Protein backbone atom coordinates (compact mmCIF):
# COMPACT_ATOMS: atom_id res chain seq x y z
CA UNK A 1 176.67 165.02 155.79
CA UNK A 2 175.23 163.49 152.64
CA UNK A 3 175.17 160.03 154.25
CA UNK A 4 173.51 161.47 157.34
CA UNK A 5 170.73 162.99 155.20
CA UNK A 6 170.14 159.68 153.44
CA UNK A 7 170.03 157.86 156.76
CA UNK A 8 167.53 160.37 158.15
CA UNK A 9 165.30 159.99 155.13
CA UNK A 10 165.38 156.20 155.44
CA UNK A 11 164.44 156.36 159.15
CA UNK A 12 161.56 158.76 158.40
CA UNK A 13 160.22 156.46 155.68
CA UNK A 14 160.44 153.44 157.95
CA UNK A 15 158.26 155.19 160.54
CA UNK A 16 155.25 155.70 158.24
CA UNK A 17 152.21 154.14 160.00
CA UNK A 18 151.16 150.73 158.70
CA UNK A 19 147.70 152.07 157.88
CA UNK A 20 149.15 154.31 155.16
CA UNK A 21 148.71 153.21 151.50
CA UNK A 22 150.97 150.31 150.56
CA UNK A 23 152.37 149.00 147.28
CA UNK A 24 149.88 147.64 144.73
CA UNK A 25 150.73 144.03 145.56
CA UNK A 26 149.55 144.44 149.15
CA UNK A 27 146.50 142.47 150.30
CA UNK A 28 144.71 145.68 151.38
CA UNK A 29 144.77 146.93 147.81
CA UNK A 30 143.62 143.54 146.53
CA UNK A 31 140.60 143.57 148.87
CA UNK A 32 139.77 147.10 147.74
CA UNK A 33 139.88 145.99 144.10
CA UNK A 34 137.55 143.08 144.90
CA UNK A 35 135.06 145.52 146.41
CA UNK A 36 135.13 147.53 143.17
CA UNK A 37 134.88 144.48 140.91
CA UNK A 38 131.46 145.47 139.53
CA UNK A 39 131.93 149.24 139.60
CA UNK A 40 132.21 150.78 136.15
CA UNK A 41 132.94 154.21 134.74
CA UNK A 42 129.95 154.11 132.40
CA UNK A 43 126.25 153.34 133.17
CA UNK A 44 125.15 149.72 132.79
CA UNK A 45 121.57 148.38 132.61
CA UNK A 46 120.14 146.04 135.21
CA UNK A 47 119.15 142.54 134.06
CA UNK A 48 116.09 140.61 135.20
CA UNK A 49 114.47 137.30 134.31
CA UNK A 50 110.71 136.70 134.06
CA UNK A 51 108.77 133.44 133.88
CA UNK A 52 105.58 132.85 131.90
CA UNK A 53 104.30 129.64 133.51
CA UNK A 54 101.33 127.82 132.01
CA UNK A 55 99.55 125.24 134.15
CA UNK A 56 97.21 122.45 133.04
CA UNK A 57 94.82 120.61 135.38
CA UNK A 58 93.53 118.08 132.86
CA UNK A 59 90.73 120.32 131.67
CA UNK A 60 91.74 123.96 131.78
CA UNK A 61 94.90 125.87 130.87
CA UNK A 62 95.93 128.71 133.20
CA UNK A 63 98.82 131.14 133.65
CA UNK A 64 100.63 131.84 136.91
CA UNK A 65 100.86 135.44 138.15
CA UNK A 66 102.09 137.07 141.33
CA UNK A 67 100.63 140.14 143.02
CA UNK A 68 103.37 142.70 143.58
CA UNK A 69 103.92 143.71 147.18
CA UNK A 70 106.07 146.80 146.54
CA UNK A 71 106.31 149.77 144.20
CA UNK A 72 106.50 150.17 141.33
CA UNK A 73 103.12 148.70 140.39
CA UNK A 74 102.25 147.66 143.93
CA UNK A 75 99.03 145.62 143.84
CA UNK A 76 99.36 144.83 140.14
CA UNK A 77 99.80 141.32 138.79
CA UNK A 78 102.99 140.28 137.00
CA UNK A 79 104.95 137.24 135.90
CA UNK A 80 107.30 135.78 138.54
CA UNK A 81 110.78 137.22 138.15
CA UNK A 82 113.49 139.47 139.53
CA UNK A 83 117.02 140.83 139.18
CA UNK A 84 119.84 138.53 138.10
CA UNK A 85 122.59 137.95 140.66
CA UNK A 86 126.28 138.36 139.72
CA UNK A 87 127.19 134.68 140.09
CA UNK A 88 124.38 133.03 138.10
CA UNK A 89 123.34 132.47 134.51
CA UNK A 90 120.03 133.80 133.20
CA UNK A 91 118.44 130.34 133.42
CA UNK A 92 119.69 129.90 136.98
CA UNK A 93 118.22 133.29 137.84
CA UNK A 94 114.88 132.37 136.27
CA UNK A 95 114.72 129.13 138.25
CA UNK A 96 115.74 130.84 141.50
CA UNK A 97 113.14 133.59 141.15
CA UNK A 98 110.46 131.04 140.27
CA UNK A 99 111.20 129.05 143.41
CA UNK A 100 111.51 132.13 145.66
CA UNK A 101 108.21 133.63 144.55
CA UNK A 102 106.08 130.51 144.03
CA UNK A 103 107.82 127.48 145.53
CA UNK A 104 108.03 125.74 142.13
CA UNK A 105 111.48 124.32 141.40
CA UNK A 106 111.14 121.47 138.90
CA UNK A 107 109.75 123.11 135.76
CA UNK A 108 111.59 123.02 132.43
CA UNK A 109 112.08 126.67 131.41
CA UNK A 110 112.72 127.83 127.83
CA UNK A 111 114.08 131.26 126.95
CA UNK A 112 111.86 132.89 124.33
CA UNK A 113 112.54 136.66 124.14
CA UNK A 114 114.51 139.62 125.51
CA UNK A 115 112.68 142.84 126.40
CA UNK A 116 114.84 145.97 126.26
CA UNK A 117 112.67 149.06 125.70
CA UNK A 118 114.55 151.82 127.58
CA UNK A 119 111.58 153.00 129.69
CA UNK A 120 110.04 149.60 130.48
CA UNK A 121 110.89 149.89 134.20
CA UNK A 122 110.41 153.25 136.02
CA UNK A 123 113.16 152.44 138.54
CA UNK A 124 116.10 152.22 136.19
CA UNK A 125 117.30 150.92 132.82
CA UNK A 126 116.35 147.24 132.93
CA UNK A 127 116.59 144.45 130.36
CA UNK A 128 114.47 141.34 130.96
CA UNK A 129 115.23 137.83 129.64
CA UNK A 130 111.92 135.96 129.49
CA UNK A 131 111.23 132.23 129.83
CA UNK A 132 108.16 130.06 129.52
CA UNK A 133 107.26 126.68 131.01
CA UNK A 134 104.38 124.21 131.09
CA UNK A 135 103.53 122.44 134.35
CA UNK A 136 100.70 120.63 136.06
CA UNK A 137 98.73 123.02 138.21
CA UNK A 138 99.62 122.77 141.90
CA UNK A 139 99.25 124.88 144.99
CA UNK A 140 101.53 127.92 144.96
CA UNK A 141 102.03 130.72 147.44
CA UNK A 142 103.41 134.21 147.23
CA UNK A 143 106.93 134.50 148.62
CA UNK A 144 109.80 137.02 148.54
CA UNK A 145 108.33 140.34 147.26
CA UNK A 146 105.03 138.74 146.16
CA UNK A 147 101.81 139.20 148.18
CA UNK A 148 100.30 136.09 146.61
CA UNK A 149 100.62 133.81 143.60
CA UNK A 150 97.53 132.73 141.68
CA UNK A 151 96.53 130.77 138.58
CA UNK A 152 94.37 132.69 136.05
CA UNK A 153 92.51 131.25 133.03
CA UNK A 154 94.51 132.22 129.94
CA UNK A 155 91.56 134.22 128.56
CA UNK A 156 90.92 136.04 131.84
CA UNK A 157 94.28 137.67 132.63
CA UNK A 158 94.11 140.89 134.72
CA UNK A 159 95.93 144.13 133.93
CA UNK A 160 99.65 143.45 134.13
CA UNK A 161 102.59 145.48 135.49
CA UNK A 162 105.51 146.82 133.42
CA UNK A 163 105.40 145.57 129.80
CA UNK A 164 104.11 142.14 130.82
CA UNK A 165 101.04 142.41 128.57
CA UNK A 166 103.43 142.47 125.61
CA UNK A 167 105.44 139.67 127.22
CA UNK A 168 102.26 137.59 127.48
CA UNK A 169 101.37 138.23 123.83
CA UNK A 170 104.81 137.18 122.57
CA UNK A 171 104.90 134.14 124.89
CA UNK A 172 101.67 132.83 123.36
CA UNK A 173 103.05 133.36 119.85
CA UNK A 174 106.22 131.44 120.69
CA UNK A 175 104.27 128.65 122.37
CA UNK A 176 102.08 128.26 119.29
CA UNK A 177 105.25 127.92 117.19
CA UNK A 178 106.67 125.34 119.63
CA UNK A 179 103.53 123.20 119.41
CA UNK A 180 103.47 123.54 115.62
CA UNK A 181 107.15 122.72 114.96
CA UNK A 182 107.75 120.01 117.56
CA UNK A 183 111.33 118.83 118.11
CA UNK A 184 113.48 118.27 121.19
CA UNK A 185 112.50 121.50 122.94
CA UNK A 186 108.82 120.63 122.46
CA UNK A 187 109.41 117.17 123.96
CA UNK A 188 111.06 118.72 127.04
CA UNK A 189 108.26 121.29 127.35
CA UNK A 190 105.51 118.66 127.28
CA UNK A 191 107.31 115.91 129.19
CA UNK A 192 104.97 114.15 131.61
CA UNK A 193 101.80 114.97 129.68
CA UNK A 194 99.80 112.34 127.78
CA UNK A 195 99.34 112.75 124.02
CA UNK A 196 95.67 113.64 124.38
CA UNK A 197 96.53 116.25 127.01
CA UNK A 198 99.10 117.83 124.69
CA UNK A 199 96.46 118.07 121.97
CA UNK A 200 94.08 119.80 124.39
CA UNK A 201 96.77 122.26 125.47
CA UNK A 202 97.69 122.98 121.84
CA UNK A 203 94.06 123.72 120.98
CA UNK A 204 93.66 126.04 124.00
CA UNK A 205 96.83 127.98 123.16
CA UNK A 206 95.81 128.34 119.51
CA UNK A 207 92.36 129.59 120.53
CA UNK A 208 93.57 131.95 123.25
CA UNK A 209 92.88 135.66 122.85
């Protein structure tokens, strides 16, 4: 009788449908764990990158802004940027966003500050890693979530979205330091510009409001 009960239990277990939960080593469980790879018990902030791009045309120094096409701050101007993807570094994200929103893909970008005020983005808790670059002015166009991209004289910048006015202020401070201190980073930043052009740019940055 005892053996019959054991045999019956074994047969019942063997008839469990294949769709039922399986041992932890099963591929179905592994796929499920992959789907939950970036799900956490506790809240985590979002991370974005933003690009402060200065452009020089030989005479005038300008800054590149994009007009936002969606809320929040729809219709406002902002620095090109966006949310970091899971498989990229901050610099890779900065370069990708720059190309997606303006078409520029060859600029040297230098990280200069991290912005982390809790209420800086009305959508959610967002930390932004900011970069600056210096390029020759060229035609750019709004792409991705940008209505348009446009160069503005550095002393005629419109009202900016989010905390980008503060970002602009700090970017100018850091650029002044870069031009004052020199070094390898400065050489990369000004690569392709003649010495007299660099002096003009330095003067314009130092005199900017």
